[in-house]
Amino acid sequence: MYGSRSRCVVAALGVAAAILLTPAVSASAAPRSKAAAETDCQAERRQALQREDPDASSELIVQCWANGDYSSLQCFPATPTGKSFCMCYDPDGRQLTPPSQKTTRVDCDAKVAESRRHKQRD
C-alpha cells in the first residue's frame, strides 16, 4: 500500500508538502550504491541531500540508524506553523503507516515490533 515510490500532495493547515513514499526493499537485499558499504537508507538520504530541487524543503530526507537501517520514525520538514507529518518505517524501508501529525517514535517502535511478529508467523 505504501511501498511504491510516488509523489502526492498533503495540505496541512493551508501549506502543501510534497511526500515521497519509499520503495519496498527486500529484507535480504544487499546494500546497493556507489559505495559498497552504503545501505539503501544511506543511499536514499545521500541522493535526497544532493538534489537541487526548489521544492526540496518539503521533501522527506530519510533518517538512518548508525547501522544503516531506516529509522522507525520518518518526518517531513515542519510546516511554517511548526507542525510536521511523520510516518513509521520498518528497518528495510517499507512505510508502515500513512503520514500523520500525531505519529510518535513510540507508535513507530510498536508498529515495527508488530511487523516483525507478523513476519515470524509467515
N, C-alpha and C. Protein backbone atom coordinates (compact mmCIF):
# COMPACT_ATOMS: atom_id res chain seq x y z
N MET A 1 0.81 -1.18 0.00
CA MET A 1 0.00 0.00 0.00
C MET A 1 0.86 1.25 0.00
N TYR A 2 1.88 1.32 0.85
CA TYR A 2 2.74 2.48 0.91
C TYR A 2 4.08 2.19 0.26
N GLY A 3 4.24 1.04 -0.37
CA GLY A 3 5.54 0.61 -0.86
C GLY A 3 6.00 1.19 -2.18
N SER A 4 5.15 1.80 -2.97
CA SER A 4 5.62 2.30 -4.26
C SER A 4 6.07 3.74 -4.14
N ARG A 5 7.08 4.09 -4.94
CA ARG A 5 7.56 5.47 -4.89
C ARG A 5 6.59 6.33 -5.69
N SER A 6 6.07 7.32 -5.05
CA SER A 6 5.15 8.23 -5.71
C SER A 6 5.17 9.57 -5.00
N ARG A 7 4.66 10.56 -5.68
CA ARG A 7 4.52 11.88 -5.07
C ARG A 7 3.04 12.14 -4.88
N CYS A 8 2.71 12.71 -3.78
CA CYS A 8 1.36 13.18 -3.57
C CYS A 8 1.47 14.47 -2.77
N VAL A 9 0.43 15.21 -2.72
CA VAL A 9 0.47 16.48 -2.01
C VAL A 9 -0.48 16.41 -0.83
N VAL A 10 0.03 16.83 0.31
CA VAL A 10 -0.76 16.85 1.52
C VAL A 10 -0.98 18.30 1.90
N ALA A 11 -2.20 18.69 2.10
CA ALA A 11 -2.47 20.06 2.54
C ALA A 11 -2.51 20.04 4.06
N ALA A 12 -1.61 20.77 4.65
CA ALA A 12 -1.53 20.83 6.10
C ALA A 12 -1.66 22.28 6.51
N LEU A 13 -2.79 22.62 7.08
CA LEU A 13 -3.02 23.98 7.54
C LEU A 13 -2.77 24.98 6.41
N GLY A 14 -3.20 24.63 5.23
CA GLY A 14 -3.05 25.53 4.09
C GLY A 14 -1.70 25.49 3.42
N VAL A 15 -0.80 24.64 3.89
CA VAL A 15 0.54 24.55 3.32
C VAL A 15 0.68 23.19 2.65
N ALA A 16 1.15 23.16 1.42
CA ALA A 16 1.32 21.90 0.69
C ALA A 16 2.71 21.36 0.94
N ALA A 17 2.81 20.08 1.15
CA ALA A 17 4.10 19.42 1.35
C ALA A 17 4.19 18.25 0.38
N ALA A 18 5.27 18.15 -0.35
CA ALA A 18 5.46 17.02 -1.27
C ALA A 18 5.88 15.82 -0.46
N ILE A 19 5.28 14.69 -0.72
CA ILE A 19 5.57 13.48 0.04
C ILE A 19 6.16 12.44 -0.90
N LEU A 20 7.32 11.93 -0.52
CA LEU A 20 7.93 10.83 -1.27
C LEU A 20 7.76 9.57 -0.45
N LEU A 21 7.12 8.59 -1.02
CA LEU A 21 6.97 7.31 -0.35
C LEU A 21 8.11 6.43 -0.80
N THR A 22 8.73 5.75 0.12
CA THR A 22 9.92 4.99 -0.24
C THR A 22 9.56 3.66 -0.85
N PRO A 23 10.46 3.11 -1.65
CA PRO A 23 10.20 1.83 -2.29
C PRO A 23 10.31 0.69 -1.30
N ALA A 24 9.56 -0.36 -1.55
CA ALA A 24 9.70 -1.56 -0.74
C ALA A 24 11.06 -2.17 -1.03
N VAL A 25 11.72 -2.64 0.02
CA VAL A 25 13.06 -3.21 -0.14
C VAL A 25 13.06 -4.58 0.51
N SER A 26 13.55 -5.56 -0.16
CA SER A 26 13.63 -6.91 0.38
C SER A 26 14.54 -6.94 1.60
N ALA A 27 14.14 -7.67 2.62
CA ALA A 27 14.96 -7.77 3.82
C ALA A 27 16.31 -8.40 3.53
N SER A 28 16.39 -9.19 2.47
CA SER A 28 17.65 -9.85 2.15
C SER A 28 18.45 -9.08 1.10
N ALA A 29 17.96 -7.90 0.71
CA ALA A 29 18.66 -7.13 -0.33
C ALA A 29 20.02 -6.67 0.17
N ALA A 30 21.02 -6.87 -0.65
CA ALA A 30 22.37 -6.41 -0.31
C ALA A 30 22.43 -4.91 -0.52
N PRO A 31 23.29 -4.22 0.24
CA PRO A 31 23.42 -2.78 0.02
C PRO A 31 23.78 -2.50 -1.44
N ARG A 32 23.06 -1.54 -2.05
CA ARG A 32 23.32 -1.15 -3.43
C ARG A 32 23.60 0.34 -3.45
N SER A 33 24.76 0.73 -3.95
CA SER A 33 25.08 2.13 -4.09
C SER A 33 26.46 2.28 -4.65
N LYS A 34 26.88 3.54 -4.80
CA LYS A 34 28.22 3.75 -5.34
C LYS A 34 29.28 3.30 -4.35
N ALA A 35 29.00 3.35 -3.07
CA ALA A 35 29.93 2.86 -2.06
C ALA A 35 29.44 1.48 -1.63
N ALA A 36 30.30 0.48 -1.69
CA ALA A 36 29.90 -0.90 -1.40
C ALA A 36 29.26 -1.04 -0.03
N ALA A 37 29.69 -0.27 0.96
CA ALA A 37 29.19 -0.41 2.31
C ALA A 37 27.96 0.46 2.57
N GLU A 38 27.49 1.20 1.58
CA GLU A 38 26.35 2.09 1.77
C GLU A 38 25.05 1.30 1.68
N THR A 39 24.18 1.47 2.67
CA THR A 39 22.89 0.78 2.68
C THR A 39 21.88 1.55 1.83
N ASP A 40 20.72 0.93 1.61
CA ASP A 40 19.66 1.61 0.85
C ASP A 40 19.26 2.92 1.52
N CYS A 41 19.14 2.91 2.85
CA CYS A 41 18.76 4.12 3.57
C CYS A 41 19.81 5.21 3.36
N GLN A 42 21.07 4.85 3.54
CA GLN A 42 22.15 5.83 3.38
C GLN A 42 22.20 6.37 1.96
N ALA A 43 21.98 5.51 0.97
CA ALA A 43 21.99 5.94 -0.44
C ALA A 43 20.82 6.88 -0.71
N GLU A 44 19.64 6.53 -0.21
CA GLU A 44 18.47 7.38 -0.42
C GLU A 44 18.67 8.75 0.23
N ARG A 45 19.24 8.75 1.45
CA ARG A 45 19.49 10.02 2.15
C ARG A 45 20.49 10.87 1.37
N ARG A 46 21.58 10.24 0.92
CA ARG A 46 22.61 10.97 0.17
C ARG A 46 22.01 11.58 -1.09
N GLN A 47 21.21 10.79 -1.81
CA GLN A 47 20.60 11.29 -3.05
C GLN A 47 19.65 12.45 -2.78
N ALA A 48 18.88 12.36 -1.70
CA ALA A 48 17.95 13.45 -1.35
C ALA A 48 18.72 14.72 -1.01
N LEU A 49 19.83 14.57 -0.30
CA LEU A 49 20.62 15.74 0.08
C LEU A 49 21.32 16.36 -1.11
N GLN A 50 21.59 15.58 -2.15
CA GLN A 50 22.29 16.09 -3.33
C GLN A 50 21.36 16.73 -4.35
N ARG A 51 20.06 16.48 -4.24
CA ARG A 51 19.10 17.05 -5.20
C ARG A 51 19.09 18.56 -5.10
N GLU A 52 19.06 19.20 -6.24
CA GLU A 52 18.94 20.65 -6.26
C GLU A 52 17.54 20.99 -6.74
N ASP A 53 16.58 20.74 -5.89
CA ASP A 53 15.18 20.91 -6.22
C ASP A 53 14.62 22.07 -5.39
N PRO A 54 13.98 23.06 -6.02
CA PRO A 54 13.44 24.18 -5.26
C PRO A 54 12.38 23.74 -4.24
N ASP A 55 11.74 22.60 -4.49
CA ASP A 55 10.74 22.10 -3.55
C ASP A 55 11.35 21.16 -2.51
N ALA A 56 12.66 21.03 -2.49
CA ALA A 56 13.32 20.08 -1.59
C ALA A 56 13.05 20.38 -0.13
N SER A 57 12.72 21.62 0.20
CA SER A 57 12.46 21.96 1.59
C SER A 57 11.22 21.26 2.12
N SER A 58 10.39 20.70 1.25
CA SER A 58 9.20 19.99 1.68
C SER A 58 9.30 18.49 1.46
N GLU A 59 10.45 18.00 1.00
CA GLU A 59 10.62 16.57 0.75
C GLU A 59 11.19 15.86 1.97
N LEU A 60 10.83 14.60 2.07
CA LEU A 60 11.36 13.76 3.14
C LEU A 60 12.82 13.45 2.86
N ILE A 61 13.66 13.70 3.84
CA ILE A 61 15.05 13.24 3.80
C ILE A 61 15.13 12.19 4.89
N VAL A 62 15.23 10.93 4.47
CA VAL A 62 15.15 9.83 5.43
C VAL A 62 16.27 9.91 6.46
N GLN A 63 15.95 9.38 7.63
CA GLN A 63 16.91 9.28 8.72
C GLN A 63 17.31 7.80 8.85
N CYS A 64 18.58 7.55 9.06
CA CYS A 64 19.09 6.18 9.16
C CYS A 64 19.70 5.97 10.55
N TRP A 65 19.56 4.75 11.07
CA TRP A 65 20.26 4.39 12.30
C TRP A 65 21.75 4.26 11.97
N ALA A 66 22.58 4.18 12.98
CA ALA A 66 24.04 4.05 12.80
C ALA A 66 24.40 2.81 11.98
N ASN A 67 23.59 1.75 12.08
CA ASN A 67 23.88 0.51 11.33
C ASN A 67 23.41 0.59 9.87
N GLY A 68 22.80 1.71 9.47
CA GLY A 68 22.35 1.89 8.10
C GLY A 68 20.89 1.57 7.85
N ASP A 69 20.20 0.98 8.84
CA ASP A 69 18.77 0.70 8.70
C ASP A 69 17.98 2.01 8.73
N TYR A 70 16.77 1.96 8.17
CA TYR A 70 15.88 3.11 8.25
C TYR A 70 15.43 3.31 9.70
N SER A 71 15.41 4.55 10.16
CA SER A 71 14.87 4.87 11.47
C SER A 71 13.38 4.57 11.45
N SER A 72 12.83 4.15 12.59
CA SER A 72 11.41 3.79 12.62
C SER A 72 10.50 5.00 12.43
N LEU A 73 10.94 6.19 12.84
CA LEU A 73 10.15 7.41 12.68
C LEU A 73 10.78 8.28 11.61
N GLN A 74 10.02 8.60 10.58
CA GLN A 74 10.48 9.47 9.50
C GLN A 74 9.52 10.65 9.42
N CYS A 75 10.08 11.87 9.40
CA CYS A 75 9.24 13.07 9.39
C CYS A 75 9.64 14.02 8.27
N PHE A 76 8.64 14.66 7.70
CA PHE A 76 8.88 15.71 6.72
C PHE A 76 9.28 16.97 7.46
N PRO A 77 9.92 17.91 6.78
CA PRO A 77 10.25 19.19 7.43
C PRO A 77 8.97 19.84 7.96
N ALA A 78 9.12 20.58 9.04
CA ALA A 78 7.97 21.25 9.65
C ALA A 78 7.39 22.29 8.70
N THR A 79 6.08 22.44 8.78
CA THR A 79 5.40 23.48 8.02
C THR A 79 5.68 24.83 8.70
N PRO A 80 5.32 25.94 8.07
CA PRO A 80 5.55 27.24 8.71
C PRO A 80 4.88 27.37 10.08
N THR A 81 3.86 26.57 10.34
CA THR A 81 3.20 26.61 11.64
C THR A 81 3.92 25.76 12.68
N GLY A 82 4.99 25.10 12.27
CA GLY A 82 5.77 24.28 13.20
C GLY A 82 5.36 22.83 13.26
N LYS A 83 4.32 22.44 12.54
CA LYS A 83 3.86 21.05 12.54
C LYS A 83 4.57 20.28 11.44
N SER A 84 4.76 18.99 11.67
CA SER A 84 5.31 18.17 10.59
C SER A 84 4.55 16.85 10.53
N PHE A 85 4.56 16.26 9.34
CA PHE A 85 3.94 14.97 9.13
C PHE A 85 4.99 13.89 9.31
N CYS A 86 4.66 12.85 10.07
CA CYS A 86 5.58 11.74 10.31
C CYS A 86 4.89 10.43 9.97
N MET A 87 5.70 9.42 9.71
CA MET A 87 5.17 8.08 9.45
C MET A 87 6.18 7.05 9.94
N CYS A 88 5.73 5.83 10.05
CA CYS A 88 6.57 4.74 10.55
C CYS A 88 7.13 3.92 9.39
N TYR A 89 8.39 3.52 9.55
CA TYR A 89 9.08 2.68 8.57
C TYR A 89 9.64 1.46 9.28
N ASP A 90 9.77 0.36 8.55
CA ASP A 90 10.49 -0.78 9.12
C ASP A 90 11.97 -0.60 8.76
N PRO A 91 12.87 -1.40 9.34
CA PRO A 91 14.31 -1.22 9.10
C PRO A 91 14.72 -1.34 7.63
N ASP A 92 13.90 -2.02 6.80
CA ASP A 92 14.22 -2.21 5.39
C ASP A 92 13.68 -1.11 4.49
N GLY A 93 12.98 -0.13 5.06
CA GLY A 93 12.50 0.99 4.26
C GLY A 93 11.07 0.88 3.79
N ARG A 94 10.32 -0.08 4.31
CA ARG A 94 8.90 -0.18 3.96
C ARG A 94 8.11 0.75 4.87
N GLN A 95 7.28 1.59 4.26
CA GLN A 95 6.44 2.50 5.04
C GLN A 95 5.31 1.71 5.66
N LEU A 96 5.12 1.85 6.98
CA LEU A 96 4.12 1.06 7.70
C LEU A 96 2.84 1.83 7.98
N THR A 97 2.91 3.16 8.00
CA THR A 97 1.73 3.99 8.31
C THR A 97 1.67 5.17 7.35
N PRO A 98 0.48 5.73 7.17
CA PRO A 98 0.39 6.94 6.35
C PRO A 98 0.92 8.14 7.14
N PRO A 99 1.27 9.22 6.45
CA PRO A 99 1.74 10.42 7.16
C PRO A 99 0.66 10.96 8.09
N SER A 100 1.08 11.39 9.27
CA SER A 100 0.17 11.95 10.26
C SER A 100 0.93 12.95 11.13
N GLN A 101 0.23 13.93 11.64
CA GLN A 101 0.85 14.87 12.57
C GLN A 101 0.85 14.32 13.99
N LYS A 102 0.25 13.16 14.20
CA LYS A 102 0.15 12.59 15.54
C LYS A 102 1.10 11.42 15.77
N THR A 103 1.81 10.97 14.76
CA THR A 103 2.69 9.81 14.88
C THR A 103 3.90 10.14 15.75
N THR A 104 4.23 9.22 16.67
CA THR A 104 5.39 9.40 17.56
C THR A 104 6.35 8.22 17.42
N ARG A 105 7.54 8.36 17.97
CA ARG A 105 8.52 7.28 17.94
C ARG A 105 7.95 6.04 18.64
N VAL A 106 7.24 6.24 19.74
CA VAL A 106 6.65 5.11 20.46
C VAL A 106 5.68 4.35 19.55
N ASP A 107 4.84 5.10 18.81
CA ASP A 107 3.92 4.46 17.86
C ASP A 107 4.69 3.62 16.85
N CYS A 108 5.76 4.20 16.33
CA CYS A 108 6.53 3.53 15.27
C CYS A 108 7.28 2.31 15.79
N ASP A 109 7.85 2.42 16.97
CA ASP A 109 8.55 1.26 17.53
C ASP A 109 7.57 0.10 17.73
N ALA A 110 6.33 0.42 18.14
CA ALA A 110 5.31 -0.61 18.31
C ALA A 110 4.93 -1.21 16.95
N LYS A 111 4.80 -0.38 15.91
CA LYS A 111 4.47 -0.87 14.56
C LYS A 111 5.57 -1.77 14.02
N VAL A 112 6.84 -1.40 14.26
CA VAL A 112 7.96 -2.22 13.80
C VAL A 112 7.94 -3.57 14.50
N ALA A 113 7.70 -3.56 15.82
CA ALA A 113 7.64 -4.82 16.58
C ALA A 113 6.49 -5.69 16.06
N GLU A 114 5.35 -5.08 15.78
CA GLU A 114 4.20 -5.82 15.23
C GLU A 114 4.53 -6.40 13.86
N SER A 115 5.22 -5.63 13.04
CA SER A 115 5.61 -6.08 11.70
C SER A 115 6.56 -7.28 11.80
N ARG A 116 7.48 -7.23 12.75
CA ARG A 116 8.42 -8.35 12.94
C ARG A 116 7.69 -9.61 13.38
N ARG A 117 6.72 -9.45 14.32
CA ARG A 117 5.95 -10.61 14.78
C ARG A 117 5.18 -11.22 13.61
N HIS A 118 4.62 -10.36 12.76
CA HIS A 118 3.86 -10.83 11.60
C HIS A 118 4.76 -11.59 10.64
N LYS A 119 5.97 -11.10 10.40
CA LYS A 119 6.93 -11.78 9.51
C LYS A 119 7.31 -13.15 10.06
N GLN A 120 7.46 -13.25 11.39
CA GLN A 120 7.86 -14.52 12.00
C GLN A 120 6.76 -15.56 11.85
N ARG A 121 5.50 -15.13 11.82
CA ARG A 121 4.38 -16.07 11.67
C ARG A 121 4.27 -16.59 10.24
N ASP A 122 4.71 -15.79 9.29
CA ASP A 122 4.59 -16.17 7.86
C ASP A 122 5.57 -17.20 7.45
